[in-house]
């Protein structure tokens, strides 16, 4: 009986090639999914930073306008979010950056200044909530510390600035979810009125 030498495999079979291609394809899909999630997280972080900047800016404006917290409550309270932006601010209370003169700027009352500040925080070109955040909304509410009086927001009460925006959590998500930040501000009292 003549024994033949065992046959050695010379190359790969088609099944092995297909299995290797499947494994590589699954790995590439995983990498693509991670890249998309990283981009979404980066975008959401950018929106959170923008919202924080807007809230800080409005908080600084509120602290600078202490007279807007008078006996009738704060002129900054706006519990309902603005649906759309009007074409122009209620009054032009400040000079714009780079302006060479104060023409067009009017002297505003504290209430007018508060309305102007809210307009700027919500609608200012390239920096308002409605302009830089998708589905952006801004509300200001008051936690009145003195509930025994008729004042809806006694001077020195905690004001809550809430900025919210539409966000996407998944690749196929349509952006119907909301993310938000809330900042607490205590503006204080006008030292002249104390």
Protein backbone atom coordinates (compact mmCIF):
# COMPACT_ATOMS: atom_id res chain seq x y z
CA UNK A 1 0.00 0.00 0.00
CA UNK A 2 1.34 3.30 -1.02
CA UNK A 3 0.69 6.14 1.27
CA UNK A 4 0.29 9.54 -0.19
CA UNK A 5 1.56 12.53 1.63
CA UNK A 6 -1.15 14.56 3.34
CA UNK A 7 -2.30 17.49 1.26
CA UNK A 8 -1.20 20.80 2.57
CA UNK A 9 -3.47 23.77 2.38
CA UNK A 10 -2.31 26.23 -0.23
CA UNK A 11 -4.03 29.56 0.44
CA UNK A 12 -7.32 30.50 2.01
CA UNK A 13 -10.77 29.36 1.20
CA UNK A 14 -13.57 31.66 0.16
CA UNK A 15 -15.35 31.14 3.50
CA UNK A 16 -12.33 32.39 5.45
CA UNK A 17 -12.11 35.48 3.25
CA UNK A 18 -15.81 36.25 3.78
CA UNK A 19 -15.52 35.83 7.55
CA UNK A 20 -12.51 38.16 7.64
CA UNK A 21 -14.36 40.75 5.51
CA UNK A 22 -17.38 40.55 7.84
CA UNK A 23 -15.23 41.11 10.93
CA UNK A 24 -13.47 44.10 9.32
CA UNK A 25 -16.83 45.55 8.20
CA UNK A 26 -18.31 45.30 11.72
CA UNK A 27 -15.21 46.99 13.13
CA UNK A 28 -15.47 49.87 10.64
CA UNK A 29 -19.17 50.36 11.46
CA UNK A 30 -18.27 50.53 15.15
CA UNK A 31 -15.61 53.15 14.49
CA UNK A 32 -18.06 55.21 12.39
CA UNK A 33 -20.66 55.03 15.17
CA UNK A 34 -18.12 56.21 17.75
CA UNK A 35 -17.12 59.10 15.48
CA UNK A 36 -20.75 60.22 15.07
CA UNK A 37 -21.37 60.06 18.82
CA UNK A 38 -18.19 62.06 19.47
CA UNK A 39 -19.34 64.74 17.03
CA UNK A 40 -22.79 64.90 18.70
CA UNK A 41 -21.21 65.19 22.14
CA UNK A 42 -18.93 67.96 20.87
CA UNK A 43 -21.88 69.86 19.40
CA UNK A 44 -23.92 69.50 22.59
CA UNK A 45 -20.94 70.73 24.64
CA UNK A 46 -20.64 73.76 22.35
CA UNK A 47 -24.36 74.54 22.82
CA UNK A 48 -23.99 74.20 26.59
CA UNK A 49 -21.06 76.64 26.56
CA UNK A 50 -23.04 79.14 24.47
CA UNK A 51 -26.04 78.86 26.79
CA UNK A 52 -23.82 79.42 29.82
CA UNK A 53 -22.27 82.53 28.22
CA UNK A 54 -25.72 83.97 27.47
CA UNK A 55 -26.96 83.28 31.02
CA UNK A 56 -23.84 84.88 32.56
CA UNK A 57 -24.21 87.92 30.32
CA UNK A 58 -27.85 88.39 31.34
CA UNK A 59 -26.95 87.86 35.01
CA UNK A 60 -24.34 90.63 34.76
CA UNK A 61 -26.89 92.93 33.11
CA UNK A 62 -29.39 92.18 35.89
CA UNK A 63 -26.82 93.00 38.57
CA UNK A 64 -26.01 96.28 36.81
CA UNK A 65 -29.68 97.31 36.65
CA UNK A 66 -30.68 97.12 40.32
CA UNK A 67 -33.44 99.69 39.86
CA UNK A 68 -35.38 97.19 37.72
CA UNK A 69 -36.17 95.39 41.02
CA UNK A 70 -38.73 97.82 42.38
CA UNK A 71 -41.88 97.46 44.48
CA UNK A 72 -43.86 96.03 41.54
CA UNK A 73 -41.45 93.14 41.06
CA UNK A 74 -38.56 92.56 38.74
CA UNK A 75 -38.80 93.78 35.16
CA UNK A 76 -36.67 90.79 34.16
CA UNK A 77 -39.27 88.13 35.03
CA UNK A 78 -40.40 86.38 31.85
CA UNK A 79 -41.77 82.97 32.76
CA UNK A 80 -42.94 82.26 29.21
CA UNK A 81 -40.28 81.67 26.60
CA UNK A 82 -40.34 83.99 23.61
CA UNK A 83 -41.77 82.25 20.53
CA UNK A 84 -40.15 84.50 17.95
CA UNK A 85 -38.04 87.61 17.90
CA UNK A 86 -39.43 91.02 16.99
CA UNK A 87 -37.54 92.87 14.29
CA UNK A 88 -36.03 95.52 16.55
CA UNK A 89 -35.44 95.92 20.28
CA UNK A 90 -38.00 97.91 22.29
CA UNK A 91 -35.53 100.78 22.77
CA UNK A 92 -31.89 101.11 21.78
CA UNK A 93 -30.37 101.55 25.23
CA UNK A 94 -26.68 100.96 24.48
CA UNK A 95 -24.08 101.71 21.86
CA UNK A 96 -23.06 98.83 19.65
CA UNK A 97 -19.45 97.68 19.53
CA UNK A 98 -17.40 99.78 17.15
CA UNK A 99 -19.92 102.65 17.00
CA UNK A 100 -18.24 106.02 16.65
CA UNK A 101 -21.09 108.04 18.18
CA UNK A 102 -24.07 107.62 20.47
CA UNK A 103 -26.57 108.65 17.79
CA UNK A 104 -29.69 106.52 17.98
CA UNK A 105 -29.09 105.59 21.63
CA UNK A 106 -31.84 106.72 23.98
CA UNK A 107 -31.81 107.23 27.73
CA UNK A 108 -33.79 104.31 29.10
CA UNK A 109 -35.69 103.76 32.32
CA UNK A 110 -34.74 100.68 34.38
CA UNK A 111 -37.78 98.82 32.98
CA UNK A 112 -36.83 99.75 29.39
CA UNK A 113 -33.25 98.64 30.08
CA UNK A 114 -34.56 95.29 31.38
CA UNK A 115 -36.68 94.85 28.23
CA UNK A 116 -33.64 95.72 26.09
CA UNK A 117 -31.43 93.28 28.04
CA UNK A 118 -33.97 90.46 27.57
CA UNK A 119 -34.18 91.27 23.85
CA UNK A 120 -30.38 91.14 23.55
CA UNK A 121 -30.17 87.82 25.42
CA UNK A 122 -32.90 86.28 23.30
CA UNK A 123 -32.62 87.84 19.86
CA UNK A 124 -29.35 89.71 19.29
CA UNK A 125 -27.74 88.85 15.99
CA UNK A 126 -25.01 86.20 16.35
CA UNK A 127 -25.27 86.06 20.16
CA UNK A 128 -28.93 85.69 21.25
CA UNK A 129 -30.50 82.39 22.31
CA UNK A 130 -32.75 82.30 19.25
CA UNK A 131 -29.80 82.94 16.94
CA UNK A 132 -27.09 80.60 18.27
CA UNK A 133 -29.02 77.65 19.77
CA UNK A 134 -31.39 75.35 17.86
CA UNK A 135 -34.87 75.82 19.32
CA UNK A 136 -33.35 78.17 21.90
CA UNK A 137 -35.53 79.51 24.71
CA UNK A 138 -34.82 81.78 27.65
CA UNK A 139 -36.95 82.29 30.75
CA UNK A 140 -36.39 84.21 33.98
CA UNK A 141 -38.35 83.29 37.09
CA UNK A 142 -38.21 84.43 40.70
CA UNK A 143 -38.12 82.53 43.99
CA UNK A 144 -39.56 85.27 46.19
CA UNK A 145 -37.92 85.14 49.61
CA UNK A 146 -40.58 87.38 51.21
CA UNK A 147 -43.94 85.75 50.59
CA UNK A 148 -45.83 87.83 53.17
CA UNK A 149 -45.98 90.94 50.96
CA UNK A 150 -47.74 91.56 47.65
CA UNK A 151 -44.49 91.99 45.74
CA UNK A 152 -44.10 89.07 43.26
CA UNK A 153 -40.31 89.31 43.45
CA UNK A 154 -38.98 91.16 46.46
CA UNK A 155 -35.59 92.84 46.01
CA UNK A 156 -32.86 90.41 46.99
CA UNK A 157 -34.84 87.35 45.87
CA UNK A 158 -33.25 84.52 43.91
CA UNK A 159 -33.77 84.85 40.16
CA UNK A 160 -33.46 81.74 37.96
CA UNK A 161 -32.26 82.16 34.38
CA UNK A 162 -33.07 79.06 32.32
CA UNK A 163 -31.70 78.60 28.81
CA UNK A 164 -32.88 75.53 26.88
CA UNK A 165 -32.25 74.19 23.38
CA UNK A 166 -33.09 71.21 21.15
CA UNK A 167 -30.58 68.39 21.17
CA UNK A 168 -30.03 65.01 19.53
CA UNK A 169 -29.08 61.93 21.51
CA UNK A 170 -29.03 59.33 18.73
CA UNK A 171 -28.03 59.35 15.08
CA UNK A 172 -31.63 59.05 13.89
CA UNK A 173 -33.05 61.36 16.56
CA UNK A 174 -34.91 64.35 15.11
CA UNK A 175 -33.81 66.83 17.76
CA UNK A 176 -37.05 66.83 19.74
CA UNK A 177 -35.31 66.40 23.10
CA UNK A 178 -34.32 69.41 25.15
CA UNK A 179 -31.27 70.18 27.19
CA UNK A 180 -31.03 73.18 29.50
CA UNK A 181 -28.99 75.05 32.04
CA UNK A 182 -30.35 77.02 34.98
CA UNK A 183 -28.38 79.75 36.71
CA UNK A 184 -29.27 81.27 40.05
CA UNK A 185 -28.75 85.02 40.49
CA UNK A 186 -29.38 87.23 43.51
CA UNK A 187 -29.30 90.79 42.27
CA UNK A 188 -29.47 92.58 45.60
CA UNK A 189 -31.09 95.89 46.45
CA UNK A 190 -30.40 99.38 45.28
CA UNK A 191 -28.26 100.89 48.07
CA UNK A 192 -30.06 104.26 47.72
CA UNK A 193 -33.46 102.69 48.47
CA UNK A 194 -32.32 100.92 51.67
